[in-house]
C-alpha cells in the first residue's frame, strides 16, 4: 500500500478519534493492516462469515473507521487477518475456516451458520 493510501487512513482515524488512547490502539492495528496485500482472503471483514474475499482492504478499513461505533472499531480491525493460500494447491473453504480459527483462536464459531458466537 502506498504512503498516500496509508495517509488517507490515518487522516480518517485522526478526524474521528483525535489523539486519544483509543486512537493509538487503533493506529497500531491500522499500521499492521496497511502492510498486508490489498486483496485476497481475510478473516472477519464483515463479522458475518469467518473468511471473506476482498478486492479492496483499504476501503473496508476506512469504512470501519468512519462508520462503526466508537467501541467496535479496534475490535473489528484487530480481528482482520490475511490468510495466505498454499501455492500450487487447490484450496477449499474448509482450509480457510481452519486457518481463520488458528489465526483468531479465541473466537468461537457456529459452524452451521458461520457466525460468531463470541470472543474471550
Foldseek 3Di string as FASTA:
>chain_A
DDPVLLVVLLVLLCVVPNPDPLSVLLVVLSVVPVVDDQWAKKAQLPQQAGIDTDNGNSVSLSCLSNPPDSVCNSVRSVLIDHDDDDPPDDDDVVNVVVVSCVVQVQWDADVVRRHTPDGD
